[in-house]
Amino acid sequence: MKRIISKPHLFFFGMIPFCLIVCFLYGKESINIAYYNVPISFDYVTIFSISSVFFGMIGLNYFSLILLKKEIKKGLTLLHLILQITSFVLFILYLFSMNNLESGQEKELLSFTFFISFFLFLVSILIHLINFFVSIFLQVE
């Protein structure tokens, strides 16, 4: 765990092949969401391709801090990793469970799971940005 906290870029660069593998395995499937009775469809290829780009950008941010010899805040990094993993796992559960459901109550529960996943995702982005800018602008003496 200490290695992941000290080198989080390796974790995020490792998520890229995972996303691409899922992208190619489930590429023909899509998620269908009805928003005010307007059907919206997202292919898994699109979702996981964007996710792999996103993880690559986070990995580059952390790697740039290491190249600049800036110390990463371990507490913020750990919080970011926990929130990001939890958000991603909830999102994966949502994606692979949503299309198999029939009842409205189960879909509402999964919609709440999606909301929690998206909220954790936004909070993890905020934590990452705070960690990144604090690490850049604060000097360790």
N, C-alpha and C. Protein backbone atom coordinates (compact mmCIF):
# COMPACT_ATOMS: atom_id res chain seq x y z
N MET A 1 0.82 -1.19 0.00
CA MET A 1 0.00 0.00 0.00
C MET A 1 0.87 1.26 0.00
N LYS A 2 2.00 1.21 0.70
CA LYS A 2 2.89 2.36 0.72
C LYS A 2 3.42 2.68 -0.68
N ARG A 3 3.64 1.64 -1.47
CA ARG A 3 4.16 1.86 -2.82
C ARG A 3 3.12 2.56 -3.70
N ILE A 4 1.85 2.17 -3.53
CA ILE A 4 0.79 2.81 -4.31
C ILE A 4 0.66 4.27 -3.91
N ILE A 5 0.78 4.57 -2.62
CA ILE A 5 0.66 5.95 -2.16
C ILE A 5 1.86 6.76 -2.61
N SER A 6 3.05 6.16 -2.59
CA SER A 6 4.23 6.92 -3.00
C SER A 6 4.35 7.04 -4.53
N LYS A 7 3.76 6.12 -5.28
CA LYS A 7 3.80 6.17 -6.74
C LYS A 7 2.41 5.91 -7.32
N PRO A 8 1.47 6.84 -7.10
CA PRO A 8 0.10 6.61 -7.57
C PRO A 8 -0.03 6.60 -9.09
N HIS A 9 0.95 7.19 -9.79
CA HIS A 9 0.88 7.18 -11.25
C HIS A 9 0.90 5.76 -11.80
N LEU A 10 1.59 4.84 -11.12
CA LEU A 10 1.62 3.46 -11.57
C LEU A 10 0.23 2.83 -11.52
N PHE A 11 -0.53 3.15 -10.46
CA PHE A 11 -1.89 2.64 -10.35
C PHE A 11 -2.76 3.15 -11.49
N PHE A 12 -2.70 4.45 -11.75
CA PHE A 12 -3.55 5.03 -12.79
C PHE A 12 -3.12 4.61 -14.18
N PHE A 13 -1.82 4.46 -14.41
CA PHE A 13 -1.38 3.93 -15.70
C PHE A 13 -1.80 2.47 -15.84
N GLY A 14 -1.87 1.74 -14.73
CA GLY A 14 -2.33 0.35 -14.76
C GLY A 14 -3.82 0.22 -15.03
N MET A 15 -4.58 1.25 -14.74
CA MET A 15 -6.02 1.22 -15.00
C MET A 15 -6.32 1.37 -16.49
N ILE A 16 -5.40 1.92 -17.25
CA ILE A 16 -5.63 2.11 -18.69
C ILE A 16 -5.81 0.76 -19.40
N PRO A 17 -4.91 -0.22 -19.23
CA PRO A 17 -5.14 -1.51 -19.89
C PRO A 17 -6.41 -2.20 -19.41
N PHE A 18 -6.74 -2.04 -18.11
CA PHE A 18 -7.98 -2.63 -17.60
C PHE A 18 -9.19 -2.07 -18.34
N CYS A 19 -9.23 -0.76 -18.49
CA CYS A 19 -10.35 -0.11 -19.19
C CYS A 19 -10.40 -0.54 -20.65
N LEU A 20 -9.25 -0.65 -21.28
CA LEU A 20 -9.22 -1.04 -22.69
C LEU A 20 -9.64 -2.50 -22.88
N ILE A 21 -9.27 -3.37 -21.94
CA ILE A 21 -9.69 -4.77 -22.02
C ILE A 21 -11.21 -4.87 -21.88
N VAL A 22 -11.76 -4.17 -20.90
CA VAL A 22 -13.22 -4.17 -20.73
C VAL A 22 -13.89 -3.57 -21.97
N CYS A 23 -13.27 -2.55 -22.52
CA CYS A 23 -13.79 -1.90 -23.73
C CYS A 23 -13.91 -2.90 -24.88
N PHE A 24 -12.89 -3.72 -25.07
CA PHE A 24 -12.92 -4.67 -26.17
C PHE A 24 -13.77 -5.90 -25.87
N LEU A 25 -13.87 -6.31 -24.61
CA LEU A 25 -14.69 -7.47 -24.26
C LEU A 25 -16.18 -7.16 -24.35
N TYR A 26 -16.57 -5.97 -23.92
CA TYR A 26 -17.98 -5.61 -23.87
C TYR A 26 -18.31 -4.47 -24.83
N GLY A 27 -17.55 -4.32 -25.89
CA GLY A 27 -17.69 -3.19 -26.79
C GLY A 27 -19.02 -3.09 -27.52
N LYS A 28 -19.69 -4.20 -27.73
CA LYS A 28 -20.94 -4.17 -28.47
C LYS A 28 -22.13 -3.81 -27.59
N GLU A 29 -21.94 -3.80 -26.28
CA GLU A 29 -23.04 -3.49 -25.37
C GLU A 29 -23.14 -1.98 -25.16
N SER A 30 -24.30 -1.59 -24.67
CA SER A 30 -24.49 -0.17 -24.38
C SER A 30 -25.40 -0.04 -23.17
N ILE A 31 -25.34 1.11 -22.55
CA ILE A 31 -26.21 1.42 -21.42
C ILE A 31 -27.28 2.38 -21.92
N ASN A 32 -28.51 2.10 -21.58
CA ASN A 32 -29.63 2.92 -22.01
C ASN A 32 -30.22 3.62 -20.80
N ILE A 33 -30.28 4.92 -20.86
CA ILE A 33 -30.82 5.72 -19.77
C ILE A 33 -31.97 6.55 -20.33
N ALA A 34 -33.07 6.58 -19.58
CA ALA A 34 -34.19 7.43 -19.97
C ALA A 34 -34.18 8.66 -19.08
N TYR A 35 -34.01 9.82 -19.68
CA TYR A 35 -33.99 11.08 -18.95
C TYR A 35 -35.17 11.90 -19.41
N TYR A 36 -36.17 12.05 -18.55
CA TYR A 36 -37.42 12.72 -18.91
C TYR A 36 -38.01 12.11 -20.18
N ASN A 37 -38.06 10.80 -20.19
CA ASN A 37 -38.61 10.01 -21.30
C ASN A 37 -37.88 10.21 -22.63
N VAL A 38 -36.66 10.70 -22.57
CA VAL A 38 -35.82 10.79 -23.75
C VAL A 38 -34.74 9.71 -23.61
N PRO A 39 -34.75 8.72 -24.49
CA PRO A 39 -33.75 7.65 -24.36
C PRO A 39 -32.36 8.12 -24.78
N ILE A 40 -31.40 7.82 -23.93
CA ILE A 40 -30.01 8.14 -24.20
C ILE A 40 -29.22 6.83 -24.13
N SER A 41 -28.38 6.61 -25.10
CA SER A 41 -27.61 5.38 -25.16
C SER A 41 -26.11 5.70 -25.23
N PHE A 42 -25.34 5.01 -24.37
CA PHE A 42 -23.89 5.15 -24.36
C PHE A 42 -23.27 3.78 -24.59
N ASP A 43 -22.41 3.68 -25.58
CA ASP A 43 -21.69 2.43 -25.82
C ASP A 43 -20.61 2.25 -24.76
N TYR A 44 -20.36 1.00 -24.40
CA TYR A 44 -19.29 0.72 -23.44
C TYR A 44 -17.93 1.14 -24.00
N VAL A 45 -17.78 1.06 -25.33
CA VAL A 45 -16.52 1.48 -25.95
C VAL A 45 -16.25 2.95 -25.62
N THR A 46 -17.27 3.78 -25.75
CA THR A 46 -17.11 5.20 -25.46
C THR A 46 -16.81 5.44 -23.99
N ILE A 47 -17.56 4.80 -23.12
CA ILE A 47 -17.40 5.00 -21.68
C ILE A 47 -16.00 4.61 -21.23
N PHE A 48 -15.54 3.43 -21.63
CA PHE A 48 -14.25 2.95 -21.15
C PHE A 48 -13.08 3.58 -21.89
N SER A 49 -13.29 4.05 -23.11
CA SER A 49 -12.23 4.81 -23.79
C SER A 49 -11.99 6.14 -23.09
N ILE A 50 -13.08 6.82 -22.74
CA ILE A 50 -12.96 8.08 -22.00
C ILE A 50 -12.34 7.84 -20.63
N SER A 51 -12.72 6.74 -19.99
CA SER A 51 -12.14 6.41 -18.68
C SER A 51 -10.64 6.18 -18.78
N SER A 52 -10.21 5.49 -19.83
CA SER A 52 -8.77 5.24 -19.97
C SER A 52 -8.00 6.54 -20.21
N VAL A 53 -8.57 7.46 -20.98
CA VAL A 53 -7.93 8.76 -21.18
C VAL A 53 -7.89 9.53 -19.86
N PHE A 54 -8.97 9.49 -19.12
CA PHE A 54 -9.04 10.17 -17.83
C PHE A 54 -7.98 9.63 -16.87
N PHE A 55 -7.87 8.30 -16.77
CA PHE A 55 -6.86 7.71 -15.88
C PHE A 55 -5.45 8.05 -16.35
N GLY A 56 -5.26 8.13 -17.65
CA GLY A 56 -3.95 8.53 -18.17
C GLY A 56 -3.59 9.95 -17.77
N MET A 57 -4.58 10.85 -17.81
CA MET A 57 -4.31 12.24 -17.43
C MET A 57 -3.99 12.35 -15.94
N ILE A 58 -4.70 11.60 -15.11
CA ILE A 58 -4.39 11.62 -13.67
C ILE A 58 -3.00 11.05 -13.44
N GLY A 59 -2.67 9.96 -14.14
CA GLY A 59 -1.33 9.38 -14.02
C GLY A 59 -0.25 10.35 -14.43
N LEU A 60 -0.48 11.11 -15.50
CA LEU A 60 0.49 12.12 -15.93
C LEU A 60 0.63 13.23 -14.89
N ASN A 61 -0.46 13.62 -14.25
CA ASN A 61 -0.37 14.63 -13.19
C ASN A 61 0.54 14.16 -12.06
N TYR A 62 0.29 12.94 -11.59
CA TYR A 62 1.12 12.43 -10.50
C TYR A 62 2.57 12.23 -10.95
N PHE A 63 2.76 11.76 -12.19
CA PHE A 63 4.11 11.56 -12.69
C PHE A 63 4.85 12.89 -12.83
N SER A 64 4.14 13.93 -13.24
CA SER A 64 4.78 15.24 -13.36
C SER A 64 5.24 15.76 -12.00
N LEU A 65 4.51 15.46 -10.95
CA LEU A 65 4.94 15.85 -9.60
C LEU A 65 6.24 15.14 -9.23
N ILE A 66 6.36 13.89 -9.62
CA ILE A 66 7.60 13.15 -9.33
C ILE A 66 8.75 13.72 -10.15
N LEU A 67 8.51 14.06 -11.42
CA LEU A 67 9.56 14.65 -12.24
C LEU A 67 10.02 16.00 -11.69
N LEU A 68 9.09 16.76 -11.13
CA LEU A 68 9.42 18.06 -10.55
C LEU A 68 10.01 17.94 -9.14
N LYS A 69 10.10 16.70 -8.66
CA LYS A 69 10.63 16.41 -7.32
C LYS A 69 9.82 17.11 -6.24
N LYS A 70 8.50 17.12 -6.44
CA LYS A 70 7.58 17.67 -5.45
C LYS A 70 7.03 16.51 -4.63
N GLU A 71 6.88 16.73 -3.36
CA GLU A 71 6.38 15.67 -2.49
C GLU A 71 4.86 15.63 -2.56
N ILE A 72 4.34 14.43 -2.79
CA ILE A 72 2.90 14.23 -2.85
C ILE A 72 2.38 14.09 -1.43
N LYS A 73 1.27 14.74 -1.14
CA LYS A 73 0.66 14.64 0.18
C LYS A 73 0.02 13.27 0.32
N LYS A 74 0.57 12.46 1.24
CA LYS A 74 0.16 11.06 1.35
C LYS A 74 -1.30 10.90 1.77
N GLY A 75 -1.77 11.72 2.69
CA GLY A 75 -3.16 11.62 3.13
C GLY A 75 -4.15 11.94 2.02
N LEU A 76 -3.87 13.00 1.27
CA LEU A 76 -4.75 13.36 0.16
C LEU A 76 -4.68 12.32 -0.96
N THR A 77 -3.49 11.77 -1.18
CA THR A 77 -3.35 10.73 -2.21
C THR A 77 -4.13 9.49 -1.83
N LEU A 78 -4.04 9.08 -0.56
CA LEU A 78 -4.78 7.91 -0.11
C LEU A 78 -6.28 8.15 -0.22
N LEU A 79 -6.74 9.32 0.20
CA LEU A 79 -8.16 9.65 0.09
C LEU A 79 -8.61 9.67 -1.37
N HIS A 80 -7.79 10.23 -2.24
CA HIS A 80 -8.12 10.26 -3.67
C HIS A 80 -8.22 8.85 -4.23
N LEU A 81 -7.25 8.00 -3.90
CA LEU A 81 -7.27 6.63 -4.42
C LEU A 81 -8.50 5.86 -3.91
N ILE A 82 -8.82 5.99 -2.64
CA ILE A 82 -9.97 5.28 -2.08
C ILE A 82 -11.26 5.75 -2.74
N LEU A 83 -11.42 7.06 -2.86
CA LEU A 83 -12.64 7.59 -3.49
C LEU A 83 -12.72 7.19 -4.96
N GLN A 84 -11.60 7.23 -5.67
CA GLN A 84 -11.60 6.90 -7.09
C GLN A 84 -11.92 5.42 -7.30
N ILE A 85 -11.33 4.55 -6.49
CA ILE A 85 -11.59 3.11 -6.62
C ILE A 85 -13.04 2.81 -6.28
N THR A 86 -13.55 3.39 -5.19
CA THR A 86 -14.93 3.16 -4.81
C THR A 86 -15.89 3.64 -5.88
N SER A 87 -15.62 4.81 -6.42
CA SER A 87 -16.46 5.35 -7.49
C SER A 87 -16.44 4.46 -8.71
N PHE A 88 -15.27 4.00 -9.10
CA PHE A 88 -15.14 3.17 -10.30
C PHE A 88 -15.81 1.81 -10.10
N VAL A 89 -15.67 1.22 -8.92
CA VAL A 89 -16.30 -0.08 -8.65
C VAL A 89 -17.82 0.06 -8.66
N LEU A 90 -18.34 1.11 -8.04
CA LEU A 90 -19.79 1.33 -8.07
C LEU A 90 -20.29 1.56 -9.50
N PHE A 91 -19.51 2.28 -10.29
CA PHE A 91 -19.89 2.53 -11.68
C PHE A 91 -19.90 1.24 -12.49
N ILE A 92 -18.90 0.39 -12.28
CA ILE A 92 -18.84 -0.90 -12.98
C ILE A 92 -20.04 -1.76 -12.58
N LEU A 93 -20.35 -1.80 -11.28
CA LEU A 93 -21.52 -2.56 -10.83
C LEU A 93 -22.79 -2.02 -11.46
N TYR A 94 -22.89 -0.72 -11.55
CA TYR A 94 -24.06 -0.10 -12.18
C TYR A 94 -24.17 -0.52 -13.65
N LEU A 95 -23.07 -0.41 -14.38
CA LEU A 95 -23.11 -0.73 -15.80
C LEU A 95 -23.49 -2.17 -16.08
N PHE A 96 -22.91 -3.09 -15.31
CA PHE A 96 -23.16 -4.50 -15.60
C PHE A 96 -24.45 -5.03 -15.00
N SER A 97 -25.11 -4.23 -14.17
CA SER A 97 -26.37 -4.67 -13.57
C SER A 97 -27.58 -4.00 -14.18
N MET A 98 -27.44 -2.84 -14.74
CA MET A 98 -28.57 -2.04 -15.19
C MET A 98 -29.36 -2.69 -16.32
N ASN A 99 -28.70 -3.24 -17.29
CA ASN A 99 -29.40 -3.78 -18.46
C ASN A 99 -30.11 -5.10 -18.17
N ASN A 100 -29.80 -5.74 -17.05
CA ASN A 100 -30.40 -7.03 -16.73
C ASN A 100 -31.63 -6.92 -15.84
N LEU A 101 -32.04 -5.72 -15.48
CA LEU A 101 -33.13 -5.55 -14.54
C LEU A 101 -34.45 -5.30 -15.25
N GLU A 102 -35.51 -5.73 -14.59
CA GLU A 102 -36.84 -5.52 -15.14
C GLU A 102 -37.67 -4.59 -14.28
N SER A 103 -37.60 -4.73 -12.95
CA SER A 103 -38.50 -3.96 -12.09
C SER A 103 -38.01 -2.53 -11.89
N GLY A 104 -38.95 -1.62 -11.71
CA GLY A 104 -38.63 -0.21 -11.52
C GLY A 104 -37.92 0.06 -10.20
N GLN A 105 -38.27 -0.71 -9.14
CA GLN A 105 -37.66 -0.49 -7.83
C GLN A 105 -36.17 -0.84 -7.87
N GLU A 106 -35.82 -1.92 -8.54
CA GLU A 106 -34.41 -2.28 -8.66
C GLU A 106 -33.65 -1.24 -9.48
N LYS A 107 -34.28 -0.70 -10.51
CA LYS A 107 -33.64 0.33 -11.33
C LYS A 107 -33.44 1.61 -10.53
N GLU A 108 -34.39 1.93 -9.65
CA GLU A 108 -34.23 3.10 -8.79
C GLU A 108 -33.05 2.93 -7.85
N LEU A 109 -32.90 1.73 -7.29
CA LEU A 109 -31.77 1.46 -6.40
C LEU A 109 -30.46 1.61 -7.15
N LEU A 110 -30.41 1.10 -8.37
CA LEU A 110 -29.19 1.23 -9.16
C LEU A 110 -28.96 2.67 -9.60
N SER A 111 -30.03 3.42 -9.82
CA SER A 111 -29.86 4.84 -10.14
C SER A 111 -29.24 5.58 -8.96
N PHE A 112 -29.61 5.19 -7.75
CA PHE A 112 -28.99 5.77 -6.56
C PHE A 112 -27.51 5.38 -6.51
N THR A 113 -27.20 4.15 -6.88
CA THR A 113 -25.80 3.71 -6.94
C THR A 113 -25.03 4.55 -7.95
N PHE A 114 -25.63 4.83 -9.09
CA PHE A 114 -24.98 5.68 -10.08
C PHE A 114 -24.75 7.09 -9.52
N PHE A 115 -25.75 7.63 -8.83
CA PHE A 115 -25.62 8.97 -8.23
C PHE A 115 -24.47 9.00 -7.22
N ILE A 116 -24.39 8.00 -6.36
CA ILE A 116 -23.30 7.93 -5.36
C ILE A 116 -21.96 7.81 -6.07
N SER A 117 -21.90 6.98 -7.11
CA SER A 117 -20.67 6.81 -7.88
C SER A 117 -20.23 8.12 -8.51
N PHE A 118 -21.16 8.84 -9.10
CA PHE A 118 -20.83 10.11 -9.75
C PHE A 118 -20.41 11.15 -8.72
N PHE A 119 -21.09 11.19 -7.57
CA PHE A 119 -20.73 12.13 -6.51
C PHE A 119 -19.31 11.83 -5.99
N LEU A 120 -19.01 10.55 -5.74
CA LEU A 120 -17.66 10.19 -5.28
C LEU A 120 -16.62 10.52 -6.34
N PHE A 121 -16.97 10.35 -7.61
CA PHE A 121 -16.08 10.71 -8.70
C PHE A 121 -15.75 12.20 -8.67
N LEU A 122 -16.77 13.04 -8.50
CA LEU A 122 -16.54 14.49 -8.45
C LEU A 122 -15.71 14.88 -7.23
N VAL A 123 -15.98 14.26 -6.09
CA VAL A 123 -15.20 14.56 -4.88
C VAL A 123 -13.75 14.10 -5.06
N SER A 124 -13.55 12.95 -5.70
CA SER A 124 -12.18 12.47 -5.92
C SER A 124 -11.41 13.40 -6.86
N ILE A 125 -12.10 13.96 -7.86
CA ILE A 125 -11.45 14.94 -8.74
C ILE A 125 -11.03 16.17 -7.94
N LEU A 126 -11.91 16.64 -7.08
CA LEU A 126 -11.60 17.79 -6.24
C LEU A 126 -10.41 17.50 -5.34
N ILE A 127 -10.39 16.33 -4.72
CA ILE A 127 -9.27 15.94 -3.85
C ILE A 127 -7.98 15.86 -4.67
N HIS A 128 -8.06 15.30 -5.88
CA HIS A 128 -6.88 15.20 -6.73
C HIS A 128 -6.34 16.58 -7.08
N LEU A 129 -7.22 17.49 -7.46
CA LEU A 129 -6.78 18.84 -7.82
C LEU A 129 -6.17 19.56 -6.62
N ILE A 130 -6.78 19.41 -5.45
CA ILE A 130 -6.22 20.01 -4.24
C ILE A 130 -4.84 19.43 -3.97
N ASN A 131 -4.72 18.11 -4.07
CA ASN A 131 -3.44 17.44 -3.84
C ASN A 131 -2.39 17.92 -4.85
N PHE A 132 -2.78 18.01 -6.10
CA PHE A 132 -1.85 18.41 -7.16
C PHE A 132 -1.35 19.83 -6.94
N PHE A 133 -2.26 20.77 -6.72
CA PHE A 133 -1.84 22.17 -6.59
C PHE A 133 -1.14 22.45 -5.26
N VAL A 134 -1.55 21.78 -4.20
CA VAL A 134 -0.84 21.95 -2.92
C VAL A 134 0.58 21.41 -3.05
N SER A 135 0.73 20.28 -3.71
CA SER A 135 2.07 19.70 -3.89
C SER A 135 2.95 20.58 -4.77
N ILE A 136 2.38 21.24 -5.76
CA ILE A 136 3.16 22.10 -6.64
C ILE A 136 3.59 23.39 -5.92
N PHE A 137 2.63 24.03 -5.27
CA PHE A 137 2.90 25.39 -4.76
C PHE A 137 3.47 25.44 -3.36
N LEU A 138 3.30 24.42 -2.55
CA LEU A 138 3.89 24.44 -1.21
C LEU A 138 5.25 23.78 -1.26
N GLN A 139 6.23 24.44 -0.70
CA GLN A 139 7.56 23.89 -0.69
C GLN A 139 7.83 23.21 0.64
N VAL A 140 8.47 22.07 0.57
CA VAL A 140 8.82 21.34 1.78
C VAL A 140 10.20 21.81 2.22
N GLU A 141 10.30 22.18 3.47
CA GLU A 141 11.60 22.65 3.97
C GLU A 141 12.13 21.74 5.04
